């Protein structure tokens, strides 16, 4: 009787242990699956599998606003897969980091022994954009830009095309209050340096009136020895104002190059790494700038990609001369 009871207890303990092991394994697999669904675990794919998601296109190819809707031939593209091969700053510049997006692989053009053009749709509730992305001969991301933009809050429409020589034409279309049609057409080519180069611009619009530039730090204190305004001209300048302490300095930079076709603007706080050199680094921003001060000017240099704050064909760089403030005239004493 004692042996029977002991054996029964032993079998019960074994059954309990097996049950706990099975339950733990099931919990682990469930959590693992849940992690993958919520983005906690990124699914790695091979480059050839990524490219296979894009259907081949034939030249010449054209795109219009209606092409931004999801097509049956488009392949859904998760953001985790997208980030494995393409810089997420490309779409964050237009959508920010908080919007929920649907991404689709929409097509590809492959140049024999050359670059590959990928077409990716990014769709949100308020905005739809078709991007063209370039990979080099080794399959590495080099650059990208929007081809078609459909913003529900804007009456501007876009059309784009790529000809047999891979020249990319982007047309911006609008109507004025009198129903007249206006357009601006820009043509780009991908070059050996891995960027899209603007080769032609044509338009039937008159020269637009330049908007006034607002300097958000203009009224702040400027007692630091390097605080002040450094200027190339009225639309290319850097303002420096006092930071929270002497090791920091606030700045606002605005520039316009290529007759205003390429612009950049950034406000931030730089830290001095030496007596004359300050660097901008900020959490969550891949951009890095360096400011090298002298008595008469400051030299700005882009250390790492600041594409979120400028157009793709220009950079934060150049020498800016210090602007001398006009001395206040002494008050005249009254004669007695």
Protein backbone atom coordinates (compact mmCIF):
# COMPACT_ATOMS: atom_id res chain seq x y z
CA UNK A 1 0.00 0.00 0.00
CA UNK A 2 2.84 2.37 0.83
CA UNK A 3 4.66 1.60 -2.43
CA UNK A 4 1.48 2.18 -4.46
CA UNK A 5 0.90 5.55 -2.80
CA UNK A 6 4.54 6.58 -3.34
CA UNK A 7 4.42 5.58 -7.01
CA UNK A 8 1.20 7.54 -7.49
CA UNK A 9 2.74 10.65 -5.92
CA UNK A 10 5.87 10.28 -8.05
CA UNK A 11 3.85 9.98 -11.27
CA UNK A 12 1.84 13.02 -10.23
CA UNK A 13 4.97 15.09 -9.74
CA UNK A 14 6.30 14.04 -13.15
CA UNK A 15 2.99 14.96 -14.78
CA UNK A 16 3.07 18.37 -13.05
CA UNK A 17 6.64 19.03 -14.21
CA UNK A 18 5.78 18.06 -17.80
CA UNK A 19 2.71 20.29 -17.68
CA UNK A 20 4.76 23.28 -16.47
CA UNK A 21 7.43 22.70 -19.14
CA UNK A 22 4.78 22.52 -21.88
CA UNK A 23 3.01 25.62 -20.58
CA UNK A 24 6.29 27.57 -20.43
CA UNK A 25 7.16 26.57 -23.98
CA UNK A 26 3.70 27.55 -25.24
CA UNK A 27 3.98 30.92 -23.44
CA UNK A 28 7.40 31.53 -24.98
CA UNK A 29 6.17 30.79 -28.51
CA UNK A 30 3.09 32.94 -27.99
CA UNK A 31 5.16 35.88 -26.76
CA UNK A 32 7.63 35.42 -29.59
CA UNK A 33 4.84 35.46 -32.12
CA UNK A 34 3.27 38.50 -30.50
CA UNK A 35 6.62 40.30 -30.48
CA UNK A 36 6.99 39.74 -34.20
CA UNK A 37 3.49 41.07 -34.87
CA UNK A 38 4.00 44.25 -32.86
CA UNK A 39 7.42 45.04 -34.27
CA UNK A 40 9.38 43.87 -31.23
CA UNK A 41 11.24 41.34 -33.36
CA UNK A 42 12.42 42.47 -36.77
CA UNK A 43 12.20 39.90 -39.53
CA UNK A 44 15.45 39.88 -41.52
CA UNK A 45 15.23 39.22 -45.24
CA UNK A 46 17.87 38.82 -47.93
CA UNK A 47 18.49 41.63 -50.47
CA UNK A 48 17.35 39.45 -53.38
CA UNK A 49 14.09 38.69 -51.56
CA UNK A 50 13.57 42.41 -50.96
CA UNK A 51 14.09 43.23 -54.65
CA UNK A 52 11.76 40.39 -55.66
CA UNK A 53 8.91 42.27 -53.95
CA UNK A 54 9.05 44.89 -56.75
CA UNK A 55 7.58 44.02 -60.14
CA UNK A 56 9.67 44.93 -63.24
CA UNK A 57 8.64 48.03 -65.22
CA UNK A 58 9.44 48.96 -68.82
CA UNK A 59 10.71 52.31 -70.09
CA UNK A 60 9.38 54.86 -70.66
CA UNK A 61 7.20 54.98 -67.56
CA UNK A 62 4.87 57.71 -66.30
CA UNK A 63 2.98 58.40 -63.08
CA UNK A 64 -0.04 60.55 -62.22
CA UNK A 65 -2.09 61.23 -59.09
CA UNK A 66 -4.34 58.23 -59.67
CA UNK A 67 -1.29 55.92 -59.50
CA UNK A 68 -1.03 56.63 -55.76
CA UNK A 69 -3.97 54.40 -54.94
CA UNK A 70 -3.11 50.83 -54.03
CA UNK A 71 -2.93 48.57 -57.08
CA UNK A 72 -3.45 44.82 -57.09
CA UNK A 73 0.12 44.37 -58.33
CA UNK A 74 1.58 46.35 -55.38
CA UNK A 75 3.24 44.32 -52.63
CA UNK A 76 2.68 45.42 -48.99
CA UNK A 77 5.97 46.49 -47.42
CA UNK A 78 6.43 46.53 -43.65
CA UNK A 79 8.34 49.41 -42.11
CA UNK A 80 10.77 47.01 -40.41
CA UNK A 81 11.72 45.51 -43.80
CA UNK A 82 11.88 48.98 -45.40
CA UNK A 83 14.39 50.20 -42.79
CA UNK A 84 16.73 47.27 -43.46
CA UNK A 85 17.54 48.60 -46.92
CA UNK A 86 16.46 52.27 -47.10
CA UNK A 87 17.03 55.23 -44.77
CA UNK A 88 13.79 56.01 -42.89
CA UNK A 89 14.66 59.74 -42.96
CA UNK A 90 13.46 59.73 -46.58
CA UNK A 91 9.81 59.42 -45.56
CA UNK A 92 10.06 60.98 -42.09
CA UNK A 93 10.86 64.29 -43.76
CA UNK A 94 7.31 64.35 -45.18
CA UNK A 95 5.33 62.27 -42.69
CA UNK A 96 7.21 62.73 -39.39
CA UNK A 97 7.75 59.89 -36.92
CA UNK A 98 4.25 59.53 -35.50
CA UNK A 99 1.97 58.99 -38.49
CA UNK A 100 0.78 55.48 -39.28
CA UNK A 101 1.80 54.61 -42.83
CA UNK A 102 1.04 51.91 -45.34
CA UNK A 103 4.01 51.14 -47.57
CA UNK A 104 3.86 49.34 -50.89
CA UNK A 105 6.53 48.07 -53.29
CA UNK A 106 5.21 49.40 -56.60
CA UNK A 107 7.83 48.59 -59.25
CA UNK A 108 11.49 48.66 -60.28
CA UNK A 109 13.79 49.56 -63.16
CA UNK A 110 17.14 47.78 -63.30
CA UNK A 111 20.03 49.26 -65.28
CA UNK A 112 22.34 46.52 -66.53
CA UNK A 113 25.64 46.74 -64.59
CA UNK A 114 24.33 49.92 -63.00
CA UNK A 115 21.86 51.31 -60.51
CA UNK A 116 18.37 50.06 -59.62
CA UNK A 117 15.35 52.36 -59.34
CA UNK A 118 12.67 51.31 -56.84
CA UNK A 119 9.21 52.91 -56.64
CA UNK A 120 7.60 52.93 -53.19
CA UNK A 121 4.20 54.26 -52.16
CA UNK A 122 3.73 55.76 -48.69
CA UNK A 123 0.09 56.32 -47.82
CA UNK A 124 -1.49 57.99 -44.78
CA UNK A 125 -4.98 59.33 -44.17
CA UNK A 126 -4.02 62.86 -45.25
CA UNK A 127 -1.10 62.43 -47.63
CA UNK A 128 0.03 60.04 -50.36
CA UNK A 129 3.53 60.05 -51.88
CA UNK A 130 5.26 57.97 -54.55
CA UNK A 131 9.03 57.86 -53.99
CA UNK A 132 11.82 56.86 -56.34
CA UNK A 133 14.78 55.27 -54.56
CA UNK A 134 18.17 54.50 -56.06
CA UNK A 135 20.37 51.54 -55.11
CA UNK A 136 23.90 51.31 -56.46
CA UNK A 137 25.39 48.37 -58.34
CA UNK A 138 26.06 46.65 -54.99
CA UNK A 139 22.43 47.02 -53.91
CA UNK A 140 23.15 49.73 -51.33
CA UNK A 141 20.81 52.70 -50.80
CA UNK A 142 22.23 55.93 -52.22
CA UNK A 143 19.42 58.47 -52.54
CA UNK A 144 15.70 59.00 -53.05
CA UNK A 145 13.11 61.70 -53.64
CA UNK A 146 9.32 62.10 -54.00
CA UNK A 147 7.90 61.88 -57.53
CA UNK A 148 4.18 62.32 -56.87
CA UNK A 149 2.67 64.07 -53.85
CA UNK A 150 -1.03 64.13 -53.10
CA UNK A 151 -1.82 66.28 -50.07
CA UNK A 152 -5.49 66.59 -49.20
CA UNK A 153 -4.90 70.15 -47.93
CA UNK A 154 -3.25 71.34 -51.15
CA UNK A 155 -4.59 72.05 -54.64
CA UNK A 156 -1.17 71.40 -56.23
CA UNK A 157 -0.97 68.25 -58.35
CA UNK A 158 2.04 66.33 -59.61
CA UNK A 159 2.96 64.18 -62.61
CA UNK A 160 6.21 62.39 -63.33
CA UNK A 161 7.91 60.31 -65.99
CA UNK A 162 11.17 58.52 -66.75
CA UNK A 163 12.37 58.36 -70.35
CA UNK A 164 14.51 55.79 -72.16
CA UNK A 165 17.70 57.51 -70.95
CA UNK A 166 16.54 57.44 -67.30
CA UNK A 167 15.96 61.19 -67.16
CA UNK A 168 13.39 61.85 -64.43
CA UNK A 169 10.83 64.61 -65.05
CA UNK A 170 8.67 65.94 -62.21
CA UNK A 171 5.88 68.40 -63.02
CA UNK A 172 4.05 70.48 -60.43
CA UNK A 173 0.64 71.64 -61.66
CA UNK A 174 -1.83 74.19 -60.30
CA UNK A 175 -4.69 76.47 -61.29
CA UNK A 176 -5.12 80.06 -60.18
CA UNK A 177 -8.37 81.73 -59.16
CA UNK A 178 -9.11 82.56 -62.83
CA UNK A 179 -8.74 78.93 -63.94
CA UNK A 180 -5.40 79.43 -65.66
CA UNK A 181 -3.03 76.43 -65.64
CA UNK A 182 0.54 76.84 -64.43
CA UNK A 183 3.36 74.33 -64.23
CA UNK A 184 6.93 73.94 -63.03
CA UNK A 185 8.85 71.07 -64.64
CA UNK A 186 12.19 69.87 -63.27
CA UNK A 187 14.41 67.19 -64.81
CA UNK A 188 16.94 65.10 -62.86
CA UNK A 189 19.48 62.42 -63.63
CA UNK A 190 21.22 60.02 -61.28
CA UNK A 191 25.00 60.51 -61.37
CA UNK A 192 28.07 58.51 -60.36
CA UNK A 193 28.28 60.33 -57.01
CA UNK A 194 25.00 58.74 -55.94
CA UNK A 195 22.71 61.80 -56.05
CA UNK A 196 19.97 63.15 -58.31
CA UNK A 197 21.33 66.15 -60.23
CA UNK A 198 19.01 68.87 -61.50
CA UNK A 199 19.73 69.40 -65.20
CA UNK A 200 16.78 71.52 -66.33
CA UNK A 201 13.92 73.65 -65.04
CA UNK A 202 11.11 75.16 -67.08
CA UNK A 203 7.96 76.97 -66.03
CA UNK A 204 5.19 79.24 -67.24
CA UNK A 205 4.95 80.91 -63.84
CA UNK A 206 6.31 84.35 -63.08
CA UNK A 207 9.02 84.71 -60.48
CA UNK A 208 7.33 84.20 -57.13
CA UNK A 209 7.63 86.82 -54.46
CA UNK A 210 10.13 85.68 -51.86
CA UNK A 211 8.64 85.04 -48.46
CA UNK A 212 10.06 86.86 -45.48
CA UNK A 213 12.32 84.74 -43.28
CA UNK A 214 11.40 84.58 -39.61
CA UNK A 215 14.32 84.28 -37.19
CA UNK A 216 12.94 82.52 -34.06
CA UNK A 217 15.93 83.41 -31.84
CA UNK A 218 16.50 86.98 -32.96
CA UNK A 219 15.41 88.62 -29.68
CA UNK A 220 17.39 86.32 -27.34
CA UNK A 221 20.44 87.56 -25.41
CA UNK A 222 23.78 87.72 -27.24
CA UNK A 223 26.50 88.43 -24.69
CA UNK A 224 28.72 85.45 -25.55
CA UNK A 225 31.82 86.49 -27.49
CA UNK A 226 30.66 84.52 -30.55
CA UNK A 227 26.98 85.47 -30.33
CA UNK A 228 25.67 87.62 -33.16
CA UNK A 229 24.65 87.39 -36.80
CA UNK A 230 26.90 85.95 -39.50
CA UNK A 231 25.77 86.76 -43.02
CA UNK A 232 26.40 85.97 -46.68
CA UNK A 233 23.29 87.85 -47.83
CA UNK A 234 19.71 88.47 -46.67
CA UNK A 235 18.66 84.87 -47.39
CA UNK A 236 21.83 83.10 -46.29
CA UNK A 237 22.76 83.69 -42.66
CA UNK A 238 23.42 82.13 -39.25
CA UNK A 239 22.29 83.71 -35.97
CA UNK A 240 23.98 82.73 -32.70
CA UNK A 241 22.55 83.57 -29.29
CA UNK A 242 23.57 82.75 -25.72
CA UNK A 243 23.07 79.21 -24.50
CA UNK A 244 22.19 77.96 -21.04
CA UNK A 245 25.86 78.29 -20.09
CA UNK A 246 29.14 79.32 -21.73
CA UNK A 247 29.75 75.83 -23.15
CA UNK A 248 26.53 76.01 -25.20
CA UNK A 249 25.35 78.39 -27.90
CA UNK A 250 21.96 78.59 -29.62
CA UNK A 251 21.82 78.94 -33.40
CA UNK A 252 19.44 79.39 -36.31
CA UNK A 253 20.67 78.87 -39.86
CA UNK A 254 18.82 79.54 -43.10
CA UNK A 255 20.30 79.16 -46.59
CA UNK A 256 19.06 79.20 -50.19
CA UNK A 257 21.22 77.93 -53.05
CA UNK A 258 20.78 77.39 -56.77
CA UNK A 259 18.61 80.51 -57.11
CA UNK A 260 16.37 79.38 -54.28
CA UNK A 261 15.77 75.88 -55.70
CA UNK A 262 17.65 74.26 -52.81
CA UNK A 263 16.94 75.40 -49.27
CA UNK A 264 17.89 74.44 -45.74
CA UNK A 265 16.95 75.60 -42.26
CA UNK A 266 17.75 74.41 -38.75
CA UNK A 267 17.40 75.70 -35.19
CA UNK A 268 19.29 74.06 -32.33
CA UNK A 269 21.96 74.28 -29.66
CA UNK A 270 25.64 73.54 -30.24
CA UNK A 271 28.24 72.57 -27.65
CA UNK A 272 31.80 73.93 -27.68
CA UNK A 273 34.38 71.14 -28.05
CA UNK A 274 37.25 73.64 -28.04
CA UNK A 275 37.63 77.38 -27.56
CA UNK A 276 36.57 78.12 -31.16
CA UNK A 277 34.70 75.00 -32.34
CA UNK A 278 31.08 74.11 -31.50
CA UNK A 279 29.17 71.04 -32.69
CA UNK A 280 25.47 70.31 -33.01
CA UNK A 281 24.33 66.83 -31.95
CA UNK A 282 20.78 66.05 -30.81
CA UNK A 283 19.04 62.90 -29.68
CA UNK A 284 16.81 61.49 -32.39
CA UNK A 285 18.37 63.64 -35.12
CA UNK A 286 21.03 62.05 -37.39
CA UNK A 287 22.21 65.54 -38.39
CA UNK A 288 25.57 66.78 -37.13
CA UNK A 289 27.04 70.25 -37.80
CA UNK A 290 30.32 71.92 -36.89
CA UNK A 291 30.84 75.67 -36.44
CA UNK A 292 34.43 76.97 -36.50
CA UNK A 293 34.62 80.56 -35.21
CA UNK A 294 37.15 83.29 -35.81
CA UNK A 295 37.03 86.99 -35.01
CA UNK A 296 35.52 87.90 -38.38
CA UNK A 297 33.56 84.87 -39.57
CA UNK A 298 32.27 81.37 -38.88
CA UNK A 299 32.77 78.30 -41.08
CA UNK A 300 29.87 75.82 -41.09
CA UNK A 301 30.36 72.19 -42.09
CA UNK A 302 27.88 69.30 -42.30
CA UNK A 303 29.48 66.30 -40.58
CA UNK A 304 26.63 63.81 -41.00
CA UNK A 305 23.42 63.57 -42.98
CA UNK A 306 21.07 66.52 -42.39
CA UNK A 307 18.63 65.56 -45.13
CA UNK A 308 15.66 66.11 -42.83
CA UNK A 309 16.49 69.84 -42.71
CA UNK A 310 17.45 70.57 -46.34
CA UNK A 311 16.79 69.60 -49.94
CA UNK A 312 18.78 66.69 -51.34
CA UNK A 313 21.00 68.71 -53.71
CA UNK A 314 22.69 70.99 -51.18
CA UNK A 315 24.42 70.88 -47.80
CA UNK A 316 24.95 72.94 -44.66
CA UNK A 317 28.34 74.48 -45.42
CA UNK A 318 30.10 77.74 -46.24
CA UNK A 319 31.75 80.72 -44.60
CA UNK A 320 29.59 83.49 -43.10
CA UNK A 321 30.98 86.93 -42.18
CA UNK A 322 30.20 88.44 -38.81
CA UNK A 323 27.81 91.36 -38.99
CA UNK A 324 28.89 94.39 -36.98
CA UNK A 325 26.12 95.90 -34.94
CA UNK A 326 25.63 99.64 -35.22
CA UNK A 327 26.83 101.41 -32.11
CA UNK A 328 24.07 103.23 -30.27
CA UNK A 329 24.45 106.99 -30.47
CA UNK A 330 25.12 108.62 -27.08
CA UNK A 331 22.26 110.73 -25.79
CA UNK A 332 22.85 114.45 -26.14
CA UNK A 333 23.08 116.33 -22.84
CA UNK A 334 20.71 119.19 -22.42
CA UNK A 335 22.21 122.63 -22.13
CA UNK A 336 21.50 124.44 -18.97
